[in-house]
Amino acid sequence: MKLTTTLAALLALCTFASADEKQLFNGKDLTGWKGQPEFWSVKDGALTGQTTAENKVKENTFLIWQDGEVGDFELTLQYKIVGGNSGIQYRSKVVKAEYSVVAGYQADFEAGKTYSGILYEEKGRGILAKRGQKVAIHEGNKIEVTGEVGKSDEIQAAIKNEEWNDYKIVAKGGHLQHFINGNLTVDVTDETAVGAKSGVLALQLHAGPPMMVQFKNIVLKTDK
């Protein structure tokens, strides 16, 4: 790993060292979260979103955290996915409350081997950074790849299929970083006026073939 990447990862670790820390999931029920009840439940101590051939989502839908918005923060959680793809929405906005649909930054992950760790903007600018990239987004939404934070195939090799993985998101101003299992996957500086500075947190259940996604140990840190 490059020295600059190592330094960036270390700085991210200490950014919120003296922060307030909050558990967002009680391990028992959906208290503090809201989504479409036919798809979301708690199983084996984890928030669980599931679709089947008989019970499909009409479009991407989300489980939305109800206890406030986030601006600058560090979020850590564990996820497991079987089939399909999912993601963690942050600094997002609710665009269709009746079906729990949100739009905004998304830290992606999937059952496949391409998109876990990328930065995607749901219902917005699409893929903003591919896995392994260091990116600057300039006004006019011009994306400049300024460096590399790791090799995509090496990051993928460290992701455990259909098992629990650790995800961390660090957002401070326009600087956004994603980590999976301790590996920095993208490092993005969004310099644009449209780049959100605050908004909701939400967990995605994706339209398409049957899938199951689970989340636990969800911890939010913010500056005191």
C-alpha atoms as a PDB file:
ATOM      1  CA  MET A   1       0.000   0.000   0.000  1.00  0.00           C
ATOM      2  CA  LYS A   2       1.250   3.477  -0.827  1.00  0.00           C
ATOM      3  CA  LEU A   3       2.442   5.689   2.021  1.00  0.00           C
ATOM      4  CA  THR A   4      -0.116   8.384   1.145  1.00  0.00           C
ATOM      5  CA  THR A   5      -2.915   5.835   1.312  1.00  0.00           C
ATOM      6  CA  THR A   6      -1.676   4.572   4.681  1.00  0.00           C
ATOM      7  CA  LEU A   7      -1.563   8.118   6.047  1.00  0.00           C
ATOM      8  CA  ALA A   8      -5.067   8.827   4.754  1.00  0.00           C
ATOM      9  CA  ALA A   9      -6.389   5.715   6.464  1.00  0.00           C
ATOM     10  CA  LEU A  10      -4.676   6.607   9.751  1.00  0.00           C
ATOM     11  CA  LEU A  11      -6.053  10.143   9.642  1.00  0.00           C
ATOM     12  CA  ALA A  12      -9.542   8.751   9.088  1.00  0.00           C
ATOM     13  CA  LEU A  13      -9.156   6.536  12.151  1.00  0.00           C
ATOM     14  CA  CYS A  14      -8.374   9.472  14.434  1.00  0.00           C
ATOM     15  CA  THR A  15     -10.705  12.088  12.922  1.00  0.00           C
ATOM     16  CA  PHE A  16     -13.464  11.348  15.431  1.00  0.00           C
ATOM     17  CA  ALA A  17     -11.282  10.088  18.284  1.00  0.00           C
ATOM     18  CA  SER A  18     -13.010  12.377  20.825  1.00  0.00           C
ATOM     19  CA  ALA A  19     -16.464  12.083  19.303  1.00  0.00           C
ATOM     20  CA  ASP A  20     -19.876  11.265  20.680  1.00  0.00           C
ATOM     21  CA  GLU A  21     -20.682   7.620  19.989  1.00  0.00           C
ATOM     22  CA  LYS A  22     -24.180   6.241  19.485  1.00  0.00           C
ATOM     23  CA  GLN A  23     -25.498   2.741  18.865  1.00  0.00           C
ATOM     24  CA  LEU A  24     -28.182   3.000  16.170  1.00  0.00           C
ATOM     25  CA  PHE A  25     -29.639  -0.519  16.502  1.00  0.00           C
ATOM     26  CA  ASN A  26     -30.746  -2.168  19.741  1.00  0.00           C
ATOM     27  CA  GLY A  27     -30.307  -5.715  18.416  1.00  0.00           C
ATOM     28  CA  LYS A  28     -33.940  -6.595  19.149  1.00  0.00           C
ATOM     29  CA  ASP A  29     -36.420  -4.689  16.981  1.00  0.00           C
ATOM     30  CA  LEU A  30     -36.829  -1.873  14.451  1.00  0.00           C
ATOM     31  CA  THR A  31     -36.982   0.925  17.041  1.00  0.00           C
ATOM     32  CA  GLY A  32     -35.423   4.049  15.513  1.00  0.00           C
ATOM     33  CA  TRP A  33     -35.802   2.786  11.946  1.00  0.00           C
ATOM     34  CA  LYS A  34     -38.610   2.985   9.393  1.00  0.00           C
ATOM     35  CA  GLY A  35     -39.159   1.090   6.157  1.00  0.00           C
ATOM     36  CA  GLN A  36     -41.646  -1.079   4.329  1.00  0.00           C
ATOM     37  CA  PRO A  37     -42.676  -3.653   6.963  1.00  0.00           C
ATOM     38  CA  GLU A  38     -43.256  -6.432   4.445  1.00  0.00           C
ATOM     39  CA  PHE A  39     -39.509  -6.473   3.712  1.00  0.00           C
ATOM     40  CA  TRP A  40     -37.731  -5.524   6.944  1.00  0.00           C
ATOM     41  CA  SER A  41     -37.461  -7.389  10.249  1.00  0.00           C
ATOM     42  CA  VAL A  42     -34.923  -8.428  12.874  1.00  0.00           C
ATOM     43  CA  LYS A  43     -33.477 -11.936  12.491  1.00  0.00           C
ATOM     44  CA  ASP A  44     -30.632 -13.429  14.500  1.00  0.00           C
ATOM     45  CA  GLY A  45     -29.965 -10.064  16.136  1.00  0.00           C
ATOM     46  CA  ALA A  46     -29.574  -8.205  12.829  1.00  0.00           C
ATOM     47  CA  LEU A  47     -31.627  -5.754  10.798  1.00  0.00           C
ATOM     48  CA  THR A  48     -32.763  -7.887   7.880  1.00  0.00           C
ATOM     49  CA  GLY A  49     -34.120  -6.908   4.494  1.00  0.00           C
ATOM     50  CA  GLN A  50     -35.401  -9.745   2.341  1.00  0.00           C
ATOM     51  CA  THR A  51     -37.200 -10.242  -0.942  1.00  0.00           C
ATOM     52  CA  THR A  52     -38.500 -13.451  -2.481  1.00  0.00           C
ATOM     53  CA  ALA A  53     -39.924 -14.486  -5.824  1.00  0.00           C
ATOM     54  CA  GLU A  54     -43.386 -13.944  -4.344  1.00  0.00           C
ATOM     55  CA  ASN A  55     -42.561 -10.783  -2.387  1.00  0.00           C
ATOM     56  CA  LYS A  56     -40.631  -8.393  -4.623  1.00  0.00           C
ATOM     57  CA  VAL A  57     -39.907  -4.694  -4.229  1.00  0.00           C
ATOM     58  CA  LYS A  58     -41.355  -2.390  -6.919  1.00  0.00           C
ATOM     59  CA  GLU A  59     -38.226  -0.224  -6.817  1.00  0.00           C
ATOM     60  CA  ASN A  60     -35.225   0.252  -4.569  1.00  0.00           C
ATOM     61  CA  THR A  61     -36.534   0.798  -1.056  1.00  0.00           C
ATOM     62  CA  PHE A  62     -34.755   1.649   2.184  1.00  0.00           C
ATOM     63  CA  LEU A  63     -34.794   1.274   5.939  1.00  0.00           C
ATOM     64  CA  ILE A  64     -34.365   4.854   7.156  1.00  0.00           C
ATOM     65  CA  TRP A  65     -32.861   5.894  10.492  1.00  0.00           C
ATOM     66  CA  GLN A  66     -35.372   8.134  12.257  1.00  0.00           C
ATOM     67  CA  ASP A  67     -33.352   9.843  14.999  1.00  0.00           C
ATOM     68  CA  GLY A  68     -31.813  12.734  13.077  1.00  0.00           C
ATOM     69  CA  GLU A  69     -29.579  13.604  10.182  1.00  0.00           C
ATOM     70  CA  VAL A  70     -25.818  13.237   9.755  1.00  0.00           C
ATOM     71  CA  GLY A  71     -23.271  15.762   8.546  1.00  0.00           C
ATOM     72  CA  ASP A  72     -19.657  15.052   9.493  1.00  0.00           C
ATOM     73  CA  PHE A  73     -19.483  11.559  10.960  1.00  0.00           C
ATOM     74  CA  GLU A  74     -17.891   8.150  11.156  1.00  0.00           C
ATOM     75  CA  LEU A  75     -20.209   5.175  10.751  1.00  0.00           C
ATOM     76  CA  THR A  76     -19.168   1.584  11.377  1.00  0.00           C
ATOM     77  CA  LEU A  77     -21.284  -1.534  10.949  1.00  0.00           C
ATOM     78  CA  GLN A  78     -21.193  -5.149   9.934  1.00  0.00           C
ATOM     79  CA  TYR A  79     -23.080  -6.444   6.924  1.00  0.00           C
ATOM     80  CA  LYS A  80     -23.886  -9.766   5.307  1.00  0.00           C
ATOM     81  CA  ILE A  81     -25.468 -10.180   1.875  1.00  0.00           C
ATOM     82  CA  VAL A  82     -26.852 -13.207   0.041  1.00  0.00           C
ATOM     83  CA  GLY A  83     -27.686 -12.422  -3.579  1.00  0.00           C
ATOM     84  CA  GLY A  84     -28.256  -9.030  -5.178  1.00  0.00           C
ATOM     85  CA  ASN A  85     -26.693  -5.773  -4.081  1.00  0.00           C
ATOM     86  CA  SER A  86     -27.228  -3.144  -1.427  1.00  0.00           C
ATOM     87  CA  GLY A  87     -25.650  -0.108   0.147  1.00  0.00           C
ATOM     88  CA  ILE A  88     -25.581   2.435   2.928  1.00  0.00           C
ATOM     89  CA  GLN A  89     -27.119   5.798   2.129  1.00  0.00           C
ATOM     90  CA  TYR A  90     -25.715   8.863   3.911  1.00  0.00           C
ATOM     91  CA  ARG A  91     -26.387  12.608   3.794  1.00  0.00           C
ATOM     92  CA  SER A  92     -29.405  11.589   1.732  1.00  0.00           C
ATOM     93  CA  LYS A  93     -32.940  12.911   1.275  1.00  0.00           C
ATOM     94  CA  VAL A  94     -36.279  11.127   1.323  1.00  0.00           C
ATOM     95  CA  VAL A  95     -37.882  11.462  -2.111  1.00  0.00           C
ATOM     96  CA  LYS A  96     -40.868   9.093  -1.771  1.00  0.00           C
ATOM     97  CA  ALA A  97     -41.890   8.654   1.851  1.00  0.00           C
ATOM     98  CA  GLU A  98     -44.768   6.271   1.081  1.00  0.00           C
ATOM     99  CA  TYR A  99     -42.312   3.666  -0.265  1.00  0.00           C
ATOM    100  CA  SER A 100     -39.273   4.626   1.817  1.00  0.00           C
ATOM    101  CA  VAL A 101     -37.238   5.803  -1.168  1.00  0.00           C
ATOM    102  CA  VAL A 102     -34.179   7.999  -0.680  1.00  0.00           C
ATOM    103  CA  ALA A 103     -31.603   9.648  -2.920  1.00  0.00           C
ATOM    104  CA  GLY A 104     -27.996  10.553  -2.246  1.00  0.00           C
ATOM    105  CA  TYR A 105     -24.518   9.239  -1.533  1.00  0.00           C
ATOM    106  CA  GLN A 106     -24.320   5.468  -1.210  1.00  0.00           C
ATOM    107  CA  ALA A 107     -21.526   3.237   0.037  1.00  0.00           C
ATOM    108  CA  ASP A 108     -22.166   0.214  -2.147  1.00  0.00           C
ATOM    109  CA  PHE A 109     -21.716  -3.501  -1.541  1.00  0.00           C
ATOM    110  CA  GLU A 110     -22.990  -6.579  -3.335  1.00  0.00           C
ATOM    111  CA  ALA A 111     -22.940 -10.345  -3.637  1.00  0.00           C
ATOM    112  CA  GLY A 112     -20.906  -9.921  -6.831  1.00  0.00           C
ATOM    113  CA  LYS A 113     -17.289  -8.887  -7.283  1.00  0.00           C
ATOM    114  CA  THR A 114     -17.310  -5.395  -8.828  1.00  0.00           C
ATOM    115  CA  TYR A 115     -19.090  -2.704  -6.844  1.00  0.00           C
ATOM    116  CA  SER A 116     -18.452  -3.308  -3.140  1.00  0.00           C
ATOM    117  CA  GLY A 117     -16.814  -0.189  -1.721  1.00  0.00           C
ATOM    118  CA  ILE A 118     -17.595   2.245  -4.531  1.00  0.00           C
ATOM    119  CA  LEU A 119     -19.252   5.634  -4.070  1.00  0.00           C
ATOM    120  CA  TYR A 120     -22.553   5.831  -5.925  1.00  0.00           C
ATOM    121  CA  GLU A 121     -25.101   8.622  -5.900  1.00  0.00           C
ATOM    122  CA  GLU A 122     -28.602   7.120  -5.975  1.00  0.00           C
ATOM    123  CA  LYS A 123     -31.000   9.035  -8.244  1.00  0.00           C
ATOM    124  CA  GLY A 124     -28.210  11.519  -8.903  1.00  0.00           C
ATOM    125  CA  ARG A 125     -24.813  11.482 -10.557  1.00  0.00           C
ATOM    126  CA  GLY A 126     -24.350   7.700 -10.581  1.00  0.00           C
ATOM    127  CA  ILE A 127     -20.910   6.208  -9.926  1.00  0.00           C
ATOM    128  CA  LEU A 128     -18.639   8.897  -8.486  1.00  0.00           C
ATOM    129  CA  ALA A 129     -15.669   6.689  -7.634  1.00  0.00           C
ATOM    130  CA  LYS A 130     -14.845   3.134  -8.599  1.00  0.00           C
ATOM    131  CA  ARG A 131     -13.198   0.816  -6.129  1.00  0.00           C
ATOM    132  CA  GLY A 132      -9.533   1.630  -5.592  1.00  0.00           C
ATOM    133  CA  GLN A 133      -9.782   5.206  -6.835  1.00  0.00           C
ATOM    134  CA  LYS A 134      -8.875   8.533  -5.309  1.00  0.00           C
ATOM    135  CA  VAL A 135     -11.153  11.098  -6.931  1.00  0.00           C
ATOM    136  CA  ALA A 136     -11.811  14.830  -7.009  1.00  0.00           C
ATOM    137  CA  ILE A 137     -15.212  15.984  -8.269  1.00  0.00           C
ATOM    138  CA  HIS A 138     -15.026  19.512  -9.666  1.00  0.00           C
ATOM    139  CA  GLU A 139     -17.827  21.973 -10.393  1.00  0.00           C
ATOM    140  CA  GLY A 140     -19.800  20.869 -13.406  1.00  0.00           C
ATOM    141  CA  ASN A 141     -19.539  17.345 -11.978  1.00  0.00           C
ATOM    142  CA  LYS A 142     -16.217  16.736 -13.689  1.00  0.00           C
ATOM    143  CA  ILE A 143     -14.690  13.634 -12.140  1.00  0.00           C
ATOM    144  CA  GLU A 144     -10.891  13.568 -11.956  1.00  0.00           C
ATOM    145  CA  VAL A 145      -9.116  10.390 -10.850  1.00  0.00           C
ATOM    146  CA  THR A 146      -6.148  11.759  -8.913  1.00  0.00           C
ATOM    147  CA  GLY A 147      -4.647   8.551  -7.585  1.00  0.00           C
ATOM    148  CA  GLU A 148      -5.096   5.031  -6.326  1.00  0.00           C
ATOM    149  CA  VAL A 149      -5.921   3.804  -2.821  1.00  0.00           C
ATOM    150  CA  GLY A 150      -5.607   0.110  -3.592  1.00  0.00           C
ATOM    151  CA  LYS A 151      -6.032  -2.602  -6.186  1.00  0.00           C
ATOM    152  CA  SER A 152      -9.664  -3.479  -6.820  1.00  0.00           C
ATOM    153  CA  ASP A 153      -9.037  -7.227  -7.021  1.00  0.00           C
ATOM    154  CA  GLU A 154      -7.054  -7.220  -3.766  1.00  0.00           C
ATOM    155  CA  ILE A 155      -9.832  -5.326  -1.967  1.00  0.00           C
ATOM    156  CA  GLN A 156     -12.376  -7.818  -3.321  1.00  0.00           C
ATOM    157  CA  ALA A 157     -10.254 -10.774  -2.225  1.00  0.00           C
ATOM    158  CA  ALA A 158     -10.547  -9.592   1.401  1.00  0.00           C
ATOM    159  CA  ILE A 159     -14.377  -9.494   1.284  1.00  0.00           C
ATOM    160  CA  LYS A 160     -16.039 -12.595   2.720  1.00  0.00           C
ATOM    161  CA  ASN A 161     -18.828 -14.070   0.592  1.00  0.00           C
ATOM    162  CA  GLU A 162     -22.147 -14.547   2.426  1.00  0.00           C
ATOM    163  CA  GLU A 163     -20.405 -13.844   5.744  1.00  0.00           C
ATOM    164  CA  TRP A 164     -20.093 -10.819   8.010  1.00  0.00           C
ATOM    165  CA  ASN A 165     -17.887  -7.971   6.793  1.00  0.00           C
ATOM    166  CA  ASP A 166     -16.953  -4.657   8.415  1.00  0.00           C
ATOM    167  CA  TYR A 167     -17.884  -1.408   6.669  1.00  0.00           C
ATOM    168  CA  LYS A 168     -16.780   2.060   7.699  1.00  0.00           C
ATOM    169  CA  ILE A 169     -17.713   5.429   6.211  1.00  0.00           C
ATOM    170  CA  VAL A 170     -15.899   8.632   7.157  1.00  0.00           C
ATOM    171  CA  ALA A 171     -17.371  11.931   5.952  1.00  0.00           C
ATOM    172  CA  LYS A 172     -15.917  15.310   6.842  1.00  0.00           C
ATOM    173  CA  GLY A 173     -16.919  18.266   4.707  1.00  0.00           C
ATOM    174  CA  GLY A 174     -16.516  17.220   1.091  1.00  0.00           C
ATOM    175  CA  HIS A 175     -14.014  14.484   1.972  1.00  0.00           C
ATOM    176  CA  LEU A 176     -15.579  11.007   1.840  1.00  0.00           C
ATOM    177  CA  GLN A 177     -13.880   7.677   2.527  1.00  0.00           C
ATOM    178  CA  HIS A 178     -15.143   4.084   2.523  1.00  0.00           C
ATOM    179  CA  PHE A 179     -13.426   1.094   4.129  1.00  0.00           C
ATOM    180  CA  ILE A 180     -14.297  -2.612   3.978  1.00  0.00           C
ATOM    181  CA  ASN A 181     -12.577  -4.962   6.393  1.00  0.00           C
ATOM    182  CA  GLY A 182     -10.033  -2.252   7.142  1.00  0.00           C
ATOM    183  CA  ASN A 183      -9.146  -1.586   3.502  1.00  0.00           C
ATOM    184  CA  LEU A 184      -9.673   1.904   2.102  1.00  0.00           C
ATOM    185  CA  THR A 185     -11.826   1.400  -1.008  1.00  0.00           C
ATOM    186  CA  VAL A 186     -12.369   4.986  -2.228  1.00  0.00           C
ATOM    187  CA  ASP A 187     -11.151   8.441  -1.232  1.00  0.00           C
ATOM    188  CA  VAL A 188     -13.305  11.220  -2.675  1.00  0.00           C
ATOM    189  CA  THR A 189     -13.238  14.996  -2.438  1.00  0.00           C
ATOM    190  CA  ASP A 190     -16.523  16.439  -3.701  1.00  0.00           C
ATOM    191  CA  GLU A 191     -15.908  20.116  -4.421  1.00  0.00           C
ATOM    192  CA  THR A 192     -19.306  20.757  -5.972  1.00  0.00           C
ATOM    193  CA  ALA A 193     -22.161  22.821  -4.614  1.00  0.00           C
ATOM    194  CA  VAL A 194     -24.545  19.892  -5.153  1.00  0.00           C
ATOM    195  CA  GLY A 195     -22.535  17.571  -2.925  1.00  0.00           C
ATOM    196  CA  ALA A 196     -24.699  17.028   0.163  1.00  0.00           C
ATOM    197  CA  LYS A 197     -23.286  18.127   3.517  1.00  0.00           C
ATOM    198  CA  SER A 198     -26.057  16.607   5.654  1.00  0.00           C
ATOM    199  CA  GLY A 199     -29.022  14.279   5.384  1.00  0.00           C
ATOM    200  CA  VAL A 200     -30.467  10.945   6.448  1.00  0.00           C
ATOM    201  CA  LEU A 201     -28.901   7.527   6.904  1.00  0.00           C
ATOM    202  CA  ALA A 202     -30.615   4.567   5.252  1.00  0.00           C
ATOM    203  CA  LEU A 203     -30.017   0.939   4.279  1.00  0.00           C
ATOM    204  CA  GLN A 204     -30.885  -0.287   0.803  1.00  0.00           C
ATOM    205  CA  LEU A 205     -32.984  -3.217  -0.364  1.00  0.00           C
ATOM    206  CA  HIS A 206     -32.503  -3.453  -4.118  1.00  0.00           C
ATOM    207  CA  ALA A 207     -35.049  -4.313  -6.780  1.00  0.00           C
ATOM    208  CA  GLY A 208     -34.377  -7.443  -8.786  1.00  0.00           C
ATOM    209  CA  PRO A 209     -33.866 -11.137  -8.011  1.00  0.00           C
ATOM    210  CA  PRO A 210     -34.520 -12.486  -4.484  1.00  0.00           C
ATOM    211  CA  MET A 211     -31.931 -11.383  -1.942  1.00  0.00           C
ATOM    212  CA  MET A 212     -31.245 -10.965   1.749  1.00  0.00           C
ATOM    213  CA  VAL A 213     -29.123  -8.316   3.442  1.00  0.00           C
ATOM    214  CA  GLN A 214     -28.363  -7.971   7.151  1.00  0.00           C
ATOM    215  CA  PHE A 215     -26.794  -5.267   9.333  1.00  0.00           C
ATOM    216  CA  LYS A 216     -25.645  -5.199  12.958  1.00  0.00           C
ATOM    217  CA  ASN A 217     -23.314  -3.370  15.359  1.00  0.00           C
ATOM    218  CA  ILE A 218     -24.205  -0.007  13.803  1.00  0.00           C
ATOM    219  CA  VAL A 219     -22.233   2.752  15.538  1.00  0.00           C
ATOM    220  CA  LEU A 220     -22.307   6.462  14.670  1.00  0.00           C
ATOM    221  CA  LYS A 221     -19.610   8.864  15.839  1.00  0.00           C
ATOM    222  CA  THR A 222     -19.915  12.636  15.478  1.00  0.00           C
ATOM    223  CA  ASP A 223     -17.912  15.589  16.759  1.00  0.00           C
ATOM    224  CA  LYS A 224     -18.778  16.700  20.287  1.00  0.00           C
END
